[in-house]
PDB file of N, CA and C in Angstrom:
ATOM      1  N   MET A   1      -4.360  11.827  -5.223  1.00  0.00           N
ATOM      2  CA  MET A   1      -5.011  12.656  -4.212  1.00  0.00           C
ATOM      3  C   MET A   1      -4.771  12.504  -2.806  1.00  0.00           C
ATOM      4  N   ILE A   2      -4.120  11.545  -1.924  1.00  0.00           N
ATOM      5  CA  ILE A   2      -3.618  11.057  -0.885  1.00  0.00           C
ATOM      6  C   ILE A   2      -2.458  12.644  -0.944  1.00  0.00           C
ATOM      7  N   PRO A   3      -1.628  13.239  -0.925  1.00  0.00           N
ATOM      8  CA  PRO A   3      -0.475  13.999  -1.214  1.00  0.00           C
ATOM      9  C   PRO A   3      -0.704  15.202  -0.982  1.00  0.00           C
ATOM     10  N   LYS A   4      -1.916  16.055  -2.747  1.00  0.00           N
ATOM     11  CA  LYS A   4      -2.679  16.298  -1.822  1.00  0.00           C
ATOM     12  C   LYS A   4      -3.451  16.603  -0.405  1.00  0.00           C
ATOM     13  N   TRP A   5      -3.969  16.002   0.251  1.00  0.00           N
ATOM     14  CA  TRP A   5      -5.405  15.350   0.813  1.00  0.00           C
ATOM     15  C   TRP A   5      -4.005  15.594   2.332  1.00  0.00           C
ATOM     16  N   TYR A   6      -3.185  15.787   1.650  1.00  0.00           N
ATOM     17  CA  TYR A   6      -1.867  16.071   3.170  1.00  0.00           C
ATOM     18  C   TYR A   6      -1.468  17.025   4.075  1.00  0.00           C
ATOM     19  N   GLU A   7      -1.480  17.306   2.037  1.00  0.00           N
ATOM     20  CA  GLU A   7      -0.713  19.564   2.669  1.00  0.00           C
ATOM     21  C   GLU A   7      -2.323  19.792   2.587  1.00  0.00           C
ATOM     22  N   GLU A   8      -3.142  19.833   2.807  1.00  0.00           N
ATOM     23  CA  GLU A   8      -4.349  20.374   2.739  1.00  0.00           C
ATOM     24  C   GLU A   8      -4.980  19.848   4.654  1.00  0.00           C
ATOM     25  N   GLY A   9      -4.075  19.223   5.567  1.00  0.00           N
ATOM     26  CA  GLY A   9      -3.568  18.723   6.371  1.00  0.00           C
ATOM     27  C   GLY A   9      -4.937  18.385   7.316  1.00  0.00           C
ATOM     28  N   ILE A  10      -5.048  17.298   6.282  1.00  0.00           N
ATOM     29  CA  ILE A  10      -6.464  15.601   6.559  1.00  0.00           C
ATOM     30  C   ILE A  10      -5.089  14.766   6.640  1.00  0.00           C
ATOM     31  N   LYS A  11      -5.263  14.032   7.156  1.00  0.00           N
ATOM     32  CA  LYS A  11      -4.473  12.698   8.254  1.00  0.00           C
ATOM     33  C   LYS A  11      -6.089  11.589   8.196  1.00  0.00           C
ATOM     34  N   ALA A  12      -5.278  10.565   8.653  1.00  0.00           N
ATOM     35  CA  ALA A  12      -5.497   8.817   8.710  1.00  0.00           C
ATOM     36  C   ALA A  12      -5.478   8.578   9.255  1.00  0.00           C
ATOM     37  N   ASP A  13      -6.090   7.661  10.012  1.00  0.00           N
ATOM     38  CA  ASP A  13      -5.100   6.636  10.769  1.00  0.00           C
ATOM     39  C   ASP A  13      -4.847   5.629  10.548  1.00  0.00           C
ATOM     40  N   THR A  14      -6.165   5.233   8.880  1.00  0.00           N
ATOM     41  CA  THR A  14      -5.803   3.203   8.047  1.00  0.00           C
ATOM     42  C   THR A  14      -6.171   4.723   6.570  1.00  0.00           C
ATOM     43  N   LEU A  15      -4.564   3.964   5.792  1.00  0.00           N
ATOM     44  CA  LEU A  15      -5.261   3.909   4.432  1.00  0.00           C
ATOM     45  C   LEU A  15      -5.516   3.173   3.816  1.00  0.00           C
ATOM     46  N   VAL A  16      -6.671   3.377   2.644  1.00  0.00           N
ATOM     47  CA  VAL A  16      -6.675   1.546   1.594  1.00  0.00           C
ATOM     48  C   VAL A  16      -6.187   2.357   0.881  1.00  0.00           C
ATOM     49  N   VAL A  17      -5.259   1.769  -0.320  1.00  0.00           N
ATOM     50  CA  VAL A  17      -4.392   2.188  -1.128  1.00  0.00           C
ATOM     51  C   VAL A  17      -3.995   0.612  -2.637  1.00  0.00           C
ATOM     52  N   ASP A  18      -4.914   1.415  -3.769  1.00  0.00           N
ATOM     53  CA  ASP A  18      -5.543   0.238  -4.878  1.00  0.00           C
ATOM     54  C   ASP A  18      -4.867   1.017  -6.622  1.00  0.00           C
ATOM     55  N   PRO A  19      -3.456   1.095  -6.283  1.00  0.00           N
ATOM     56  CA  PRO A  19      -2.483   1.690  -7.527  1.00  0.00           C
ATOM     57  C   PRO A  19      -2.366   0.926  -8.705  1.00  0.00           C
ATOM     58  N   PRO A  20      -1.921   1.735  -9.835  1.00  0.00           N
ATOM     59  CA  PRO A  20      -2.354   0.372 -10.828  1.00  0.00           C
ATOM     60  C   PRO A  20      -1.234  -0.512 -10.896  1.00  0.00           C
ATOM     61  N   ARG A  21      -1.185  -1.651 -11.704  1.00  0.00           N
ATOM     62  CA  ARG A  21       0.405  -2.336 -12.091  1.00  0.00           C
ATOM     63  C   ARG A  21       1.384  -2.188 -11.784  1.00  0.00           C
ATOM     64  N   LYS A  22       1.014  -0.799 -12.306  1.00  0.00           N
ATOM     65  CA  LYS A  22       3.062  -0.115 -11.676  1.00  0.00           C
ATOM     66  C   LYS A  22       3.404   0.100 -10.792  1.00  0.00           C
ATOM     67  N   GLY A  23       2.555   0.241  -9.634  1.00  0.00           N
ATOM     68  CA  GLY A  23       2.311   0.933  -8.171  1.00  0.00           C
ATOM     69  C   GLY A  23       1.963   2.110  -7.786  1.00  0.00           C
ATOM     70  N   CYS A  24       2.556   1.826  -6.148  1.00  0.00           N
ATOM     71  CA  CYS A  24       2.397   3.565  -6.113  1.00  0.00           C
ATOM     72  C   CYS A  24       3.580   4.147  -6.316  1.00  0.00           C
ATOM     73  N   ASP A  25       3.753   5.863  -6.670  1.00  0.00           N
ATOM     74  CA  ASP A  25       4.223   6.352  -7.299  1.00  0.00           C
ATOM     75  C   ASP A  25       5.101   6.890  -5.512  1.00  0.00           C
ATOM     76  N   GLU A  26       6.147   7.454  -5.965  1.00  0.00           N
ATOM     77  CA  GLU A  26       7.014   7.813  -5.001  1.00  0.00           C
ATOM     78  C   GLU A  26       6.510   8.949  -3.955  1.00  0.00           C
ATOM     79  N   ALA A  27       6.093   9.917  -4.733  1.00  0.00           N
ATOM     80  CA  ALA A  27       4.547  10.233  -4.162  1.00  0.00           C
ATOM     81  C   ALA A  27       4.139   9.766  -2.614  1.00  0.00           C
ATOM     82  N   LEU A  28       3.186   8.998  -3.109  1.00  0.00           N
ATOM     83  CA  LEU A  28       3.044   8.547  -2.428  1.00  0.00           C
ATOM     84  C   LEU A  28       3.376   7.814  -0.860  1.00  0.00           C
ATOM     85  N   LEU A  29       4.271   7.361  -1.547  1.00  0.00           N
ATOM     86  CA  LEU A  29       4.923   6.443  -1.030  1.00  0.00           C
ATOM     87  C   LEU A  29       5.110   7.554   0.447  1.00  0.00           C
ATOM     88  N   ARG A  30       5.895   8.427   0.146  1.00  0.00           N
ATOM     89  CA  ARG A  30       6.906   9.355   1.211  1.00  0.00           C
ATOM     90  C   ARG A  30       5.529   9.896   1.661  1.00  0.00           C
ATOM     91  N   THR A  31       4.214  10.317   1.340  1.00  0.00           N
ATOM     92  CA  THR A  31       2.829  10.773   2.196  1.00  0.00           C
ATOM     93  C   THR A  31       2.809  10.062   3.173  1.00  0.00           C
ATOM     94  N   ILE A  32       2.752   8.627   3.060  1.00  0.00           N
ATOM     95  CA  ILE A  32       1.607   7.472   3.206  1.00  0.00           C
ATOM     96  C   ILE A  32       3.623   6.661   5.207  1.00  0.00           C
ATOM     97  N   ILE A  33       4.327   7.098   4.898  1.00  0.00           N
ATOM     98  CA  ILE A  33       5.886   7.490   5.460  1.00  0.00           C
ATOM     99  C   ILE A  33       5.130   8.784   6.217  1.00  0.00           C
ATOM    100  N   GLU A  34       5.328  10.483   5.904  1.00  0.00           N
ATOM    101  CA  GLU A  34       5.392  10.869   6.389  1.00  0.00           C
ATOM    102  C   GLU A  34       3.849  11.656   7.365  1.00  0.00           C
ATOM    103  N   MET A  35       2.820  11.002   6.500  1.00  0.00           N
ATOM    104  CA  MET A  35       1.350  11.110   7.664  1.00  0.00           C
ATOM    105  C   MET A  35       1.210   9.947   8.766  1.00  0.00           C
ATOM    106  N   LYS A  36       1.671   8.780   8.619  1.00  0.00           N
ATOM    107  CA  LYS A  36       1.829   7.386   9.977  1.00  0.00           C
ATOM    108  C   LYS A  36       0.724   7.542  10.057  1.00  0.00           C
ATOM    109  N   PRO A  37      -0.055   7.082   9.407  1.00  0.00           N
ATOM    110  CA  PRO A  37      -1.214   6.055  10.079  1.00  0.00           C
ATOM    111  C   PRO A  37      -0.530   5.359  10.294  1.00  0.00           C
ATOM    112  N   THR A  38      -1.911   5.357  11.922  1.00  0.00           N
ATOM    113  CA  THR A  38      -1.608   3.376  12.410  1.00  0.00           C
ATOM    114  C   THR A  38      -1.649   2.647  11.535  1.00  0.00           C
ATOM    115  N   ARG A  39      -2.464   2.296  10.684  1.00  0.00           N
ATOM    116  CA  ARG A  39      -2.796   0.900   9.406  1.00  0.00           C
ATOM    117  C   ARG A  39      -2.855   1.823   7.567  1.00  0.00           C
ATOM    118  N   VAL A  40      -2.103   0.607   7.393  1.00  0.00           N
ATOM    119  CA  VAL A  40      -2.264   1.187   5.649  1.00  0.00           C
ATOM    120  C   VAL A  40      -2.912  -0.262   4.799  1.00  0.00           C
ATOM    121  N   VAL A  41      -3.145  -0.070   4.525  1.00  0.00           N
ATOM    122  CA  VAL A  41      -4.482  -1.573   3.639  1.00  0.00           C
ATOM    123  C   VAL A  41      -3.653  -1.475   1.867  1.00  0.00           C
ATOM    124  N   TYR A  42      -3.212  -2.762   1.590  1.00  0.00           N
ATOM    125  CA  TYR A  42      -2.288  -2.153   0.318  1.00  0.00           C
ATOM    126  C   TYR A  42      -3.085  -3.501  -0.460  1.00  0.00           C
ATOM    127  N   VAL A  43      -3.915  -2.887  -2.149  1.00  0.00           N
ATOM    128  CA  VAL A  43      -4.260  -3.347  -2.661  1.00  0.00           C
ATOM    129  C   VAL A  43      -3.574  -4.024  -3.910  1.00  0.00           C
ATOM    130  N   SER A  44      -3.381  -5.406  -4.605  1.00  0.00           N
ATOM    131  CA  SER A  44      -2.099  -4.632  -5.640  1.00  0.00           C
ATOM    132  C   SER A  44      -2.671  -6.198  -6.626  1.00  0.00           C
ATOM    133  N   CYS A  45      -2.531  -5.429  -7.526  1.00  0.00           N
ATOM    134  CA  CYS A  45      -2.079  -6.747  -8.581  1.00  0.00           C
ATOM    135  C   CYS A  45      -0.751  -7.253  -9.046  1.00  0.00           C
ATOM    136  N   ASN A  46      -0.419  -6.568  -8.967  1.00  0.00           N
ATOM    137  CA  ASN A  46       1.139  -7.539  -9.705  1.00  0.00           C
ATOM    138  C   ASN A  46       2.129  -7.144  -8.062  1.00  0.00           C
ATOM    139  N   PRO A  47       2.272  -8.417  -8.207  1.00  0.00           N
ATOM    140  CA  PRO A  47       2.869  -8.375  -7.283  1.00  0.00           C
ATOM    141  C   PRO A  47       4.554  -8.587  -6.893  1.00  0.00           C
ATOM    142  N   GLY A  48       4.936  -8.600  -8.143  1.00  0.00           N
ATOM    143  CA  GLY A  48       6.181  -7.628  -7.632  1.00  0.00           C
ATOM    144  C   GLY A  48       6.976  -5.979  -7.514  1.00  0.00           C
ATOM    145  N   THR A  49       5.645  -5.365  -8.353  1.00  0.00           N
ATOM    146  CA  THR A  49       4.975  -3.929  -7.759  1.00  0.00           C
ATOM    147  C   THR A  49       4.811  -3.611  -6.309  1.00  0.00           C
ATOM    148  N   LEU A  50       4.004  -4.713  -5.593  1.00  0.00           N
ATOM    149  CA  LEU A  50       3.859  -4.924  -4.037  1.00  0.00           C
ATOM    150  C   LEU A  50       4.600  -5.266  -3.994  1.00  0.00           C
ATOM    151  N   ALA A  51       6.492  -6.142  -3.825  1.00  0.00           N
ATOM    152  CA  ALA A  51       7.232  -6.291  -2.716  1.00  0.00           C
ATOM    153  C   ALA A  51       7.485  -5.541  -2.816  1.00  0.00           C
ATOM    154  N   ARG A  52       7.925  -4.380  -3.842  1.00  0.00           N
ATOM    155  CA  ARG A  52       9.006  -3.088  -3.602  1.00  0.00           C
ATOM    156  C   ARG A  52       8.466  -1.954  -3.108  1.00  0.00           C
ATOM    157  N   ASP A  53       6.895  -1.725  -3.584  1.00  0.00           N
ATOM    158  CA  ASP A  53       6.163  -1.299  -2.507  1.00  0.00           C
ATOM    159  C   ASP A  53       6.653  -1.019  -1.311  1.00  0.00           C
ATOM    160  N   LEU A  54       6.365  -2.452  -0.578  1.00  0.00           N
ATOM    161  CA  LEU A  54       6.067  -3.162   0.610  1.00  0.00           C
ATOM    162  C   LEU A  54       7.607  -2.727   1.553  1.00  0.00           C
ATOM    163  N   ARG A  55       8.936  -2.647   0.870  1.00  0.00           N
ATOM    164  CA  ARG A  55      10.231  -2.529   0.666  1.00  0.00           C
ATOM    165  C   ARG A  55       9.833  -0.873   1.392  1.00  0.00           C
ATOM    166  N   VAL A  56       9.819  -0.115   0.767  1.00  0.00           N
ATOM    167  CA  VAL A  56       9.886   0.887   1.201  1.00  0.00           C
ATOM    168  C   VAL A  56       8.849   1.471   2.120  1.00  0.00           C
ATOM    169  N   LEU A  57       7.986   1.156   2.218  1.00  0.00           N
ATOM    170  CA  LEU A  57       6.892   1.379   3.955  1.00  0.00           C
ATOM    171  C   LEU A  57       7.437   0.536   4.864  1.00  0.00           C
ATOM    172  N   GLU A  58       8.385  -0.508   4.927  1.00  0.00           N
ATOM    173  CA  GLU A  58       8.612  -1.152   5.757  1.00  0.00           C
ATOM    174  C   GLU A  58       9.799  -0.238   6.257  1.00  0.00           C
ATOM    175  N   ASP A  59      10.694   0.318   5.497  1.00  0.00           N
ATOM    176  CA  ASP A  59      11.828   1.063   5.227  1.00  0.00           C
ATOM    177  C   ASP A  59      11.165   2.519   5.945  1.00  0.00           C
ATOM    178  N   GLY A  60      10.912   3.088   6.201  1.00  0.00           N
ATOM    179  CA  GLY A  60       9.804   4.051   6.940  1.00  0.00           C
ATOM    180  C   GLY A  60       8.972   3.491   8.028  1.00  0.00           C
ATOM    181  N   GLY A  61       9.649   2.361   8.184  1.00  0.00           N
ATOM    182  CA  GLY A  61       8.937   2.402  10.024  1.00  0.00           C
ATOM    183  C   GLY A  61       7.627   1.942   9.781  1.00  0.00           C
ATOM    184  N   TYR A  62       6.644   0.247   9.373  1.00  0.00           N
ATOM    185  CA  TYR A  62       6.175   0.441   8.870  1.00  0.00           C
ATOM    186  C   TYR A  62       6.090  -1.524   9.277  1.00  0.00           C
ATOM    187  N   VAL A  63       5.300  -2.277   9.688  1.00  0.00           N
ATOM    188  CA  VAL A  63       5.491  -4.008   9.683  1.00  0.00           C
ATOM    189  C   VAL A  63       4.610  -4.496   8.719  1.00  0.00           C
ATOM    190  N   THR A  64       4.630  -5.219   7.856  1.00  0.00           N
ATOM    191  CA  THR A  64       3.864  -5.956   6.740  1.00  0.00           C
ATOM    192  C   THR A  64       3.548  -7.314   7.746  1.00  0.00           C
ATOM    193  N   CYS A  65       2.271  -7.065   8.087  1.00  0.00           N
ATOM    194  CA  CYS A  65       1.802  -8.091   8.922  1.00  0.00           C
ATOM    195  C   CYS A  65       0.824  -9.465   8.316  1.00  0.00           C
ATOM    196  N   GLU A  66       0.082  -9.164   7.579  1.00  0.00           N
ATOM    197  CA  GLU A  66      -0.254 -10.582   6.334  1.00  0.00           C
ATOM    198  C   GLU A  66      -0.259 -10.123   5.041  1.00  0.00           C
ATOM    199  N   VAL A  67      -0.087 -10.577   4.143  1.00  0.00           N
ATOM    200  CA  VAL A  67      -0.828 -10.714   2.736  1.00  0.00           C
ATOM    201  C   VAL A  67      -1.150 -12.096   2.035  1.00  0.00           C
ATOM    202  N   GLN A  68      -3.055 -11.171   1.854  1.00  0.00           N
ATOM    203  CA  GLN A  68      -3.225 -12.208   1.214  1.00  0.00           C
ATOM    204  C   GLN A  68      -3.768 -12.631   0.203  1.00  0.00           C
ATOM    205  N   PRO A  69      -3.202 -14.012  -0.872  1.00  0.00           N
ATOM    206  CA  PRO A  69      -3.507 -13.619  -1.930  1.00  0.00           C
ATOM    207  C   PRO A  69      -5.269 -13.707  -2.794  1.00  0.00           C
ATOM    208  N   VAL A  70      -5.774 -13.228  -3.518  1.00  0.00           N
ATOM    209  CA  VAL A  70      -7.005 -13.610  -3.838  1.00  0.00           C
ATOM    210  C   VAL A  70      -7.193 -14.028  -4.882  1.00  0.00           C
ATOM    211  N   ASP A  71      -7.966 -14.967  -5.829  1.00  0.00           N
ATOM    212  CA  ASP A  71      -8.279 -15.036  -7.079  1.00  0.00           C
ATOM    213  C   ASP A  71      -9.293 -15.055  -7.351  1.00  0.00           C
ATOM    214  N   MET A  72      -9.567 -13.881  -8.345  1.00  0.00           N
ATOM    215  CA  MET A  72     -10.793 -13.472  -8.558  1.00  0.00           C
ATOM    216  C   MET A  72     -10.655 -13.405  -9.977  1.00  0.00           C
ATOM    217  N   PHE A  73      -9.457 -13.778 -10.831  1.00  0.00           N
ATOM    218  CA  PHE A  73      -9.812 -14.450 -11.747  1.00  0.00           C
ATOM    219  C   PHE A  73      -9.687 -15.619 -12.735  1.00  0.00           C
ATOM    220  N   PRO A  74     -10.592 -16.526 -12.013  1.00  0.00           N
ATOM    221  CA  PRO A  74     -10.462 -17.804 -12.659  1.00  0.00           C
ATOM    222  C   PRO A  74      -9.204 -18.826 -13.275  1.00  0.00           C
ATOM    223  N   HIS A  75      -9.016 -19.472 -14.082  1.00  0.00           N
ATOM    224  CA  HIS A  75      -8.709 -20.251 -14.749  1.00  0.00           C
ATOM    225  C   HIS A  75      -8.029 -19.027 -16.018  1.00  0.00           C
ATOM    226  N   THR A  76      -7.098 -17.424 -14.966  1.00  0.00           N
ATOM    227  CA  THR A  76      -5.964 -16.753 -15.349  1.00  0.00           C
ATOM    228  C   THR A  76      -5.172 -16.959 -15.358  1.00  0.00           C
ATOM    229  N   SER A  77      -4.191 -16.453 -14.926  1.00  0.00           N
ATOM    230  CA  SER A  77      -2.812 -16.239 -14.005  1.00  0.00           C
ATOM    231  C   SER A  77      -2.291 -14.691 -13.058  1.00  0.00           C
ATOM    232  N   HIS A  78      -3.558 -14.382 -13.226  1.00  0.00           N
ATOM    233  CA  HIS A  78      -3.451 -12.914 -12.926  1.00  0.00           C
ATOM    234  C   HIS A  78      -4.155 -13.660 -10.700  1.00  0.00           C
ATOM    235  N   VAL A  79      -3.843 -12.029  -9.784  1.00  0.00           N
ATOM    236  CA  VAL A  79      -3.623 -13.243  -8.509  1.00  0.00           C
ATOM    237  C   VAL A  79      -4.031 -11.750  -7.753  1.00  0.00           C
ATOM    238  N   GLU A  80      -4.550 -10.942  -7.377  1.00  0.00           N
ATOM    239  CA  GLU A  80      -4.627  -9.362  -6.095  1.00  0.00           C
ATOM    240  C   GLU A  80      -4.516  -9.975  -4.664  1.00  0.00           C
ATOM    241  N   CYS A  81      -3.790  -9.535  -4.788  1.00  0.00           N
ATOM    242  CA  CYS A  81      -2.608  -9.150  -2.467  1.00  0.00           C
ATOM    243  C   CYS A  81      -3.952  -8.585  -2.214  1.00  0.00           C
ATOM    244  N   VAL A  82      -3.692  -8.365  -1.110  1.00  0.00           N
ATOM    245  CA  VAL A  82      -4.233  -7.457  -0.201  1.00  0.00           C
ATOM    246  C   VAL A  82      -2.864  -7.536   1.081  1.00  0.00           C
ATOM    247  N   ALA A  83      -2.721  -6.529   0.855  1.00  0.00           N
ATOM    248  CA  ALA A  83      -1.668  -5.822   2.321  1.00  0.00           C
ATOM    249  C   ALA A  83      -1.585  -6.164   2.900  1.00  0.00           C
ATOM    250  N   TRP A  84      -1.471  -6.007   4.599  1.00  0.00           N
ATOM    251  CA  TRP A  84      -2.527  -5.480   5.743  1.00  0.00           C
ATOM    252  C   TRP A  84      -0.637  -5.193   6.357  1.00  0.00           C
ATOM    253  N   LEU A  85      -0.518  -4.074   6.911  1.00  0.00           N
ATOM    254  CA  LEU A  85       0.592  -3.000   7.261  1.00  0.00           C
ATOM    255  C   LEU A  85      -0.018  -2.320   8.421  1.00  0.00           C
ATOM    256  N   GLN A  86       1.210  -2.700   9.484  1.00  0.00           N
ATOM    257  CA  GLN A  86       1.160  -2.092  10.692  1.00  0.00           C
ATOM    258  C   GLN A  86       2.033  -0.859  10.915  1.00  0.00           C
ATOM    259  N   ARG A  87       1.905   0.407  11.333  1.00  0.00           N
ATOM    260  CA  ARG A  87       3.040   0.744  11.833  1.00  0.00           C
ATOM    261  C   ARG A  87       4.018   1.042  13.032  1.00  0.00           C
ATOM    262  N   GLN A  88       5.276   1.312  13.234  1.00  0.00           N
ATOM    263  CA  GLN A  88       5.674   0.318  14.239  1.00  0.00           C
ATOM    264  C   GLN A  88       5.286   1.281  15.866  1.00  0.00           C
TER     265      GLN A  88
END
């Protein structure tokens, strides 16, 4: 939805994304970089795809300020992570 909203002229100063396990698709990451919101909050259930997508966003002008793991599923190996990014 975010690429569609951006095409319609809708902008945001803060975006919150919570993609599926496979992470954000290229169109969404490209739109975030073009839209230039001041802050991005990225909620992830897969640390590997989170790291991959953070690299893309950092190369696009963002700084990862904080990443907080959240154990929402005790007694399993699954950990959610919430990352806060700020535009440079």
